[in-house]
Amino acid sequence: MRIHERIRAYARFLRAAFAINLLAAFEYRANFLIQFFGMMLNNAAFALFWKVLIDRTGGIGGYTFADVMFVWAVVSSAFGLAHVLFGNVRNLGNIIVNGELDIYLLQPKDAFLNILVSKSVISAWGDLAYGFIVLALLPGMNLERFALFALFTLSGGILFAATFAAAECLAFFLGNADAISSAVMEFILSFSLYPETIFGPGMRWVFYTLVPSGFIAFLPLAAFRSLDLRLVPLIVFAAAAYAGASYALFRAGLRRYESGNRIGARM
């Protein structure tokens, strides 16, 4: 199959997976709405906390309230997008440990992508929407800034999914990797949602290596503040590099995988 035909085939597959997950989410509308608005209210509570804090202090680490809200918006939307499109990413380790990869390995599409897109997290829609609502309330918004935010949401979503997937893939080598995966998620969120300048210089290298908070939140903020488009290729390259490294780790782990000898079907 030619490369462009293969790309079109995977585009159709991704559209179909997204449509199925969306229909499944809307099957129970009340549950969807409760989780959707519940997540938005949860995020709004943190926005209120930061508003009170910065009003009293005048700023944290050189960040204004608008800076903090941009960081919360882009992290929220990127985290939401990662779990809307790749909602099975946090289950990857359990699938490996329980020997349930066989179902995906026997299907014609790439197993790694197939696993990730086979589920969508309902509450993540609230995260995704919350970021864009906050963005609309920020001062100085225009079409160029909106386009930048949408791009950073996409790159951040890929970075979140790639990093979570890489942590889950450690199950190939360590067995149960739930503790590591949970720690990685907490570290990324904790570091990304606070001003970079409050952390010591000795820690900042972590934000651009093991925990890609720098590419999810800090560099996007710098680009958004001054419309510095020179940072955009670096952020996009980082997202592609982390995704490639995560996929390579999965392929390396497959060489160690032992079938669960289970008979199952996936609809």
Protein backbone atom coordinates (compact mmCIF):
# COMPACT_ATOMS: atom_id res chain seq x y z
CA MET A 1 0.00 0.00 0.00
CA ARG A 2 1.34 3.41 -0.94
CA ILE A 3 2.13 5.88 1.83
CA HIS A 4 -0.64 8.34 0.92
CA GLU A 5 -3.19 5.51 0.70
CA ARG A 6 -2.06 4.25 4.10
CA ILE A 7 -2.45 7.74 5.57
CA ARG A 8 -5.98 8.02 4.17
CA ALA A 9 -6.84 4.59 5.56
CA TYR A 10 -5.67 5.56 9.04
CA ALA A 11 -7.51 8.89 8.78
CA ARG A 12 -10.74 6.99 8.06
CA PHE A 13 -10.00 4.64 10.95
CA LEU A 14 -9.44 7.53 13.37
CA ARG A 15 -12.64 9.27 12.24
CA ALA A 16 -14.60 6.05 12.71
CA ALA A 17 -13.12 5.44 16.18
CA PHE A 18 -13.88 9.01 17.23
CA ALA A 19 -17.48 8.78 15.95
CA ILE A 20 -18.09 5.50 17.78
CA ASN A 21 -16.66 6.87 21.04
CA LEU A 22 -18.73 10.03 20.70
CA LEU A 23 -21.92 8.07 20.14
CA ALA A 24 -21.10 5.88 23.14
CA ALA A 25 -20.59 8.98 25.30
CA PHE A 26 -23.94 10.45 24.24
CA GLU A 27 -25.79 7.20 24.81
CA TYR A 28 -26.21 8.19 28.47
CA ARG A 29 -26.77 11.93 28.10
CA ALA A 30 -27.40 12.68 31.76
CA ASN A 31 -24.15 11.02 32.79
CA PHE A 32 -22.30 12.84 30.02
CA LEU A 33 -23.65 16.24 31.09
CA ILE A 34 -22.96 15.61 34.78
CA GLN A 35 -19.33 14.67 34.10
CA PHE A 36 -18.92 17.44 31.51
CA PHE A 37 -20.11 20.28 33.73
CA GLY A 38 -18.68 18.70 36.87
CA MET A 39 -15.18 18.83 35.42
CA MET A 40 -15.69 22.43 34.29
CA LEU A 41 -16.84 23.44 37.79
CA ASN A 42 -13.84 21.68 39.31
CA ASN A 43 -11.49 23.66 37.08
CA ALA A 44 -13.37 26.90 37.71
CA ALA A 45 -12.81 26.48 41.46
CA PHE A 46 -9.04 26.54 40.88
CA ALA A 47 -9.40 29.66 38.72
CA LEU A 48 -11.16 31.39 41.61
CA PHE A 49 -8.36 30.35 43.96
CA TRP A 50 -5.72 31.86 41.67
CA LYS A 51 -7.76 35.04 41.26
CA VAL A 52 -7.88 35.58 45.02
CA LEU A 53 -4.20 34.68 45.46
CA ILE A 54 -2.88 37.01 42.75
CA ASP A 55 -5.18 39.86 43.81
CA ARG A 56 -3.59 39.63 47.25
CA THR A 57 0.03 39.16 46.15
CA GLY A 58 0.15 41.10 42.88
CA GLY A 59 1.67 38.16 41.00
CA ILE A 60 3.40 34.82 41.45
CA GLY A 61 6.85 34.26 39.96
CA GLY A 62 6.29 37.08 37.49
CA TYR A 63 3.02 35.58 36.26
CA THR A 64 -0.07 37.76 36.01
CA PHE A 65 -3.57 36.38 36.41
CA ALA A 66 -3.93 36.30 32.60
CA ASP A 67 -0.71 34.23 32.36
CA VAL A 68 -1.97 31.75 34.94
CA MET A 69 -5.32 31.47 33.19
CA PHE A 70 -3.64 30.81 29.85
CA VAL A 71 -1.56 28.03 31.42
CA TRP A 72 -4.65 26.51 33.02
CA ALA A 73 -6.56 26.84 29.75
CA VAL A 74 -3.95 25.20 27.54
CA VAL A 75 -3.14 22.43 30.04
CA SER A 76 -6.82 21.72 30.60
CA SER A 77 -7.67 21.58 26.90
CA ALA A 78 -4.57 19.53 26.04
CA PHE A 79 -5.24 17.06 28.87
CA GLY A 80 -8.86 16.84 27.77
CA LEU A 81 -7.99 16.32 24.11
CA ALA A 82 -5.52 13.56 25.01
CA HIS A 83 -8.26 11.65 26.83
CA VAL A 84 -10.98 12.40 24.29
CA LEU A 85 -8.91 11.06 21.39
CA PHE A 86 -6.71 8.54 23.23
CA GLY A 87 -8.94 7.65 26.17
CA ASN A 88 -7.51 4.16 26.63
CA VAL A 89 -3.99 5.42 27.29
CA ARG A 90 -4.23 4.96 31.07
CA ASN A 91 -5.41 1.35 30.60
CA LEU A 92 -2.47 0.34 28.42
CA GLY A 93 -0.43 -1.07 31.30
CA ASN A 94 -3.29 -3.26 32.52
CA ILE A 95 -3.90 -4.52 28.99
CA ILE A 96 -0.23 -5.54 28.78
CA VAL A 97 -0.09 -7.17 32.22
CA ASN A 98 -3.35 -9.08 31.71
CA GLY A 99 -2.23 -10.44 28.35
CA GLU A 100 -5.04 -8.69 26.47
CA LEU A 101 -2.93 -7.32 23.63
CA ASP A 102 -3.78 -10.36 21.50
CA ILE A 103 -7.12 -8.85 20.45
CA TYR A 104 -5.36 -5.80 19.02
CA LEU A 105 -2.39 -7.63 17.53
CA LEU A 106 -4.71 -9.76 15.40
CA GLN A 107 -6.36 -6.71 13.84
CA PRO A 108 -5.04 -5.04 10.66
CA LYS A 109 -4.44 -1.58 12.18
CA ASP A 110 -1.38 -0.70 14.23
CA ALA A 111 -1.88 -2.14 17.73
CA PHE A 112 -0.50 0.90 19.58
CA LEU A 113 -2.81 3.39 17.91
CA ASN A 114 -5.72 0.94 17.95
CA ILE A 115 -5.50 0.54 21.73
CA LEU A 116 -5.25 4.25 22.45
CA VAL A 117 -8.22 5.35 20.33
CA SER A 118 -10.55 2.49 21.35
CA LYS A 119 -11.95 4.50 24.26
CA SER A 120 -12.87 8.10 25.11
CA VAL A 121 -13.11 9.57 28.63
CA ILE A 122 -16.39 11.43 29.08
CA SER A 123 -15.21 13.92 31.72
CA ALA A 124 -12.34 14.93 29.42
CA TRP A 125 -14.83 16.81 27.22
CA GLY A 126 -15.30 19.20 30.13
CA ASP A 127 -11.55 19.79 30.35
CA LEU A 128 -11.34 20.38 26.61
CA ALA A 129 -14.20 22.87 26.55
CA TYR A 130 -13.07 24.67 29.71
CA GLY A 131 -9.79 25.77 28.16
CA PHE A 132 -11.48 27.37 25.18
CA ILE A 133 -14.01 29.14 27.41
CA VAL A 134 -11.19 30.60 29.50
CA LEU A 135 -9.34 31.58 26.33
CA ALA A 136 -12.37 33.56 25.10
CA LEU A 137 -12.32 35.57 28.35
CA LEU A 138 -8.64 36.54 28.15
CA PRO A 139 -7.80 40.13 27.11
CA GLY A 140 -6.36 40.81 23.67
CA MET A 141 -7.81 37.74 21.98
CA ASN A 142 -7.74 37.63 18.19
CA LEU A 143 -7.76 35.04 15.42
CA GLU A 144 -3.98 34.58 15.46
CA ARG A 145 -3.91 33.89 19.19
CA PHE A 146 -6.86 31.51 18.86
CA ALA A 147 -5.03 29.58 16.13
CA LEU A 148 -1.92 29.39 18.33
CA PHE A 149 -3.98 28.10 21.25
CA ALA A 150 -5.62 25.43 19.08
CA LEU A 151 -2.18 24.31 17.86
CA PHE A 152 -0.80 24.20 21.40
CA THR A 153 -3.83 22.21 22.52
CA LEU A 154 -3.08 19.64 19.81
CA SER A 155 0.65 19.47 20.52
CA GLY A 156 0.01 19.36 24.28
CA GLY A 157 -2.54 16.59 23.83
CA ILE A 158 0.00 14.53 21.91
CA LEU A 159 2.64 15.20 24.58
CA PHE A 160 0.28 14.13 27.36
CA ALA A 161 -0.77 10.97 25.53
CA ALA A 162 2.79 10.06 24.52
CA THR A 163 4.17 10.52 28.03
CA PHE A 164 1.34 8.58 29.68
CA ALA A 165 1.67 5.81 27.10
CA ALA A 166 5.43 5.58 27.64
CA ALA A 167 4.90 5.22 31.39
CA GLU A 168 2.27 2.53 30.80
CA CYS A 169 4.64 0.68 28.41
CA LEU A 170 7.02 0.12 31.32
CA ALA A 171 4.63 -2.73 32.20
CA PHE A 172 6.37 -4.72 29.47
CA PHE A 173 9.60 -4.57 31.48
CA LEU A 174 8.54 -4.11 35.12
CA GLY A 175 5.21 -5.86 35.35
CA ASN A 176 2.66 -3.69 37.14
CA ALA A 177 3.56 -0.06 36.36
CA ASP A 178 0.46 1.59 37.85
CA ALA A 179 2.43 3.45 40.52
CA ILE A 180 4.88 4.88 38.01
CA SER A 181 2.10 5.86 35.60
CA SER A 182 0.13 7.62 38.35
CA ALA A 183 3.25 9.44 39.53
CA VAL A 184 4.04 10.61 35.99
CA MET A 185 0.51 12.00 35.59
CA GLU A 186 0.69 13.84 38.92
CA PHE A 187 4.15 15.25 38.14
CA ILE A 188 3.13 16.55 34.70
CA LEU A 189 -0.03 18.22 35.98
CA SER A 190 1.59 19.61 39.12
CA PHE A 191 4.56 21.11 37.28
CA SER A 192 2.56 22.36 34.29
CA LEU A 193 -0.06 24.26 36.30
CA TYR A 194 2.33 26.42 38.31
CA PRO A 195 4.68 29.21 37.15
CA GLU A 196 7.96 27.85 35.86
CA THR A 197 9.88 30.56 37.71
CA ILE A 198 8.91 29.27 41.17
CA PHE A 199 11.03 26.18 40.60
CA GLY A 200 14.80 26.23 41.07
CA PRO A 201 17.14 26.14 38.04
CA GLY A 202 18.29 22.68 39.06
CA MET A 203 14.80 21.31 38.48
CA ARG A 204 13.94 23.02 35.23
CA TRP A 205 15.83 20.53 33.07
CA VAL A 206 13.18 17.99 34.10
CA PHE A 207 10.48 20.09 32.38
CA TYR A 208 12.09 19.57 28.99
CA THR A 209 13.09 15.91 29.34
CA LEU A 210 11.32 13.40 31.60
CA VAL A 211 8.27 15.56 32.26
CA PRO A 212 7.50 17.71 29.19
CA SER A 213 5.76 20.52 31.07
CA GLY A 214 7.97 23.05 29.30
CA PHE A 215 6.58 22.07 25.90
CA ILE A 216 2.99 21.74 27.18
CA ALA A 217 2.69 25.01 29.10
CA PHE A 218 5.80 27.18 29.48
CA LEU A 219 6.97 27.60 25.88
CA PRO A 220 3.37 27.98 24.63
CA LEU A 221 2.88 30.78 27.17
CA ALA A 222 6.04 32.53 25.96
CA ALA A 223 4.89 32.24 22.35
CA PHE A 224 1.34 33.36 23.18
CA ARG A 225 2.46 36.38 25.22
CA SER A 226 4.50 37.97 22.44
CA LEU A 227 3.19 36.06 19.40
CA ASP A 228 6.70 34.65 18.98
CA LEU A 229 6.18 32.15 16.16
CA ARG A 230 9.82 31.06 16.28
CA LEU A 231 8.94 28.80 19.23
CA VAL A 232 6.19 26.98 17.35
CA PRO A 233 8.44 24.60 15.31
CA LEU A 234 10.29 23.62 18.51
CA ILE A 235 7.02 22.78 20.29
CA VAL A 236 5.70 20.79 17.32
CA PHE A 237 9.02 18.94 16.97
CA ALA A 238 8.97 18.06 20.67
CA ALA A 239 5.45 16.61 20.35
CA ALA A 240 6.53 14.50 17.38
CA ALA A 241 9.71 13.37 19.17
CA TYR A 242 7.88 12.29 22.33
CA ALA A 243 5.25 10.47 20.26
CA GLY A 244 7.99 8.68 18.31
CA ALA A 245 9.85 7.71 21.47
CA SER A 246 6.65 6.39 23.05
CA TYR A 247 5.87 4.30 19.97
CA ALA A 248 9.45 2.96 19.86
CA LEU A 249 9.18 1.92 23.52
CA PHE A 250 5.92 0.08 22.76
CA ARG A 251 7.51 -1.76 19.83
CA ALA A 252 10.50 -2.71 21.99
CA GLY A 253 8.15 -3.98 24.67
CA LEU A 254 6.25 -6.12 22.18
CA ARG A 255 9.36 -8.27 21.77
CA ARG A 256 9.01 -9.22 25.44
CA TYR A 257 5.25 -9.68 25.40
CA GLU A 258 3.80 -13.10 26.12
CA SER A 259 0.28 -13.90 24.97
CA GLY A 260 -2.43 -14.23 27.59
CA ASN A 261 -3.86 -17.20 25.68
CA ARG A 262 -7.32 -15.69 25.93
CA ILE A 263 -10.12 -15.92 23.44
CA GLY A 264 -12.01 -12.66 23.13
CA ALA A 265 -13.73 -10.37 20.73
CA ARG A 266 -13.75 -6.60 20.43
CA MET A 267 -16.76 -4.88 18.91
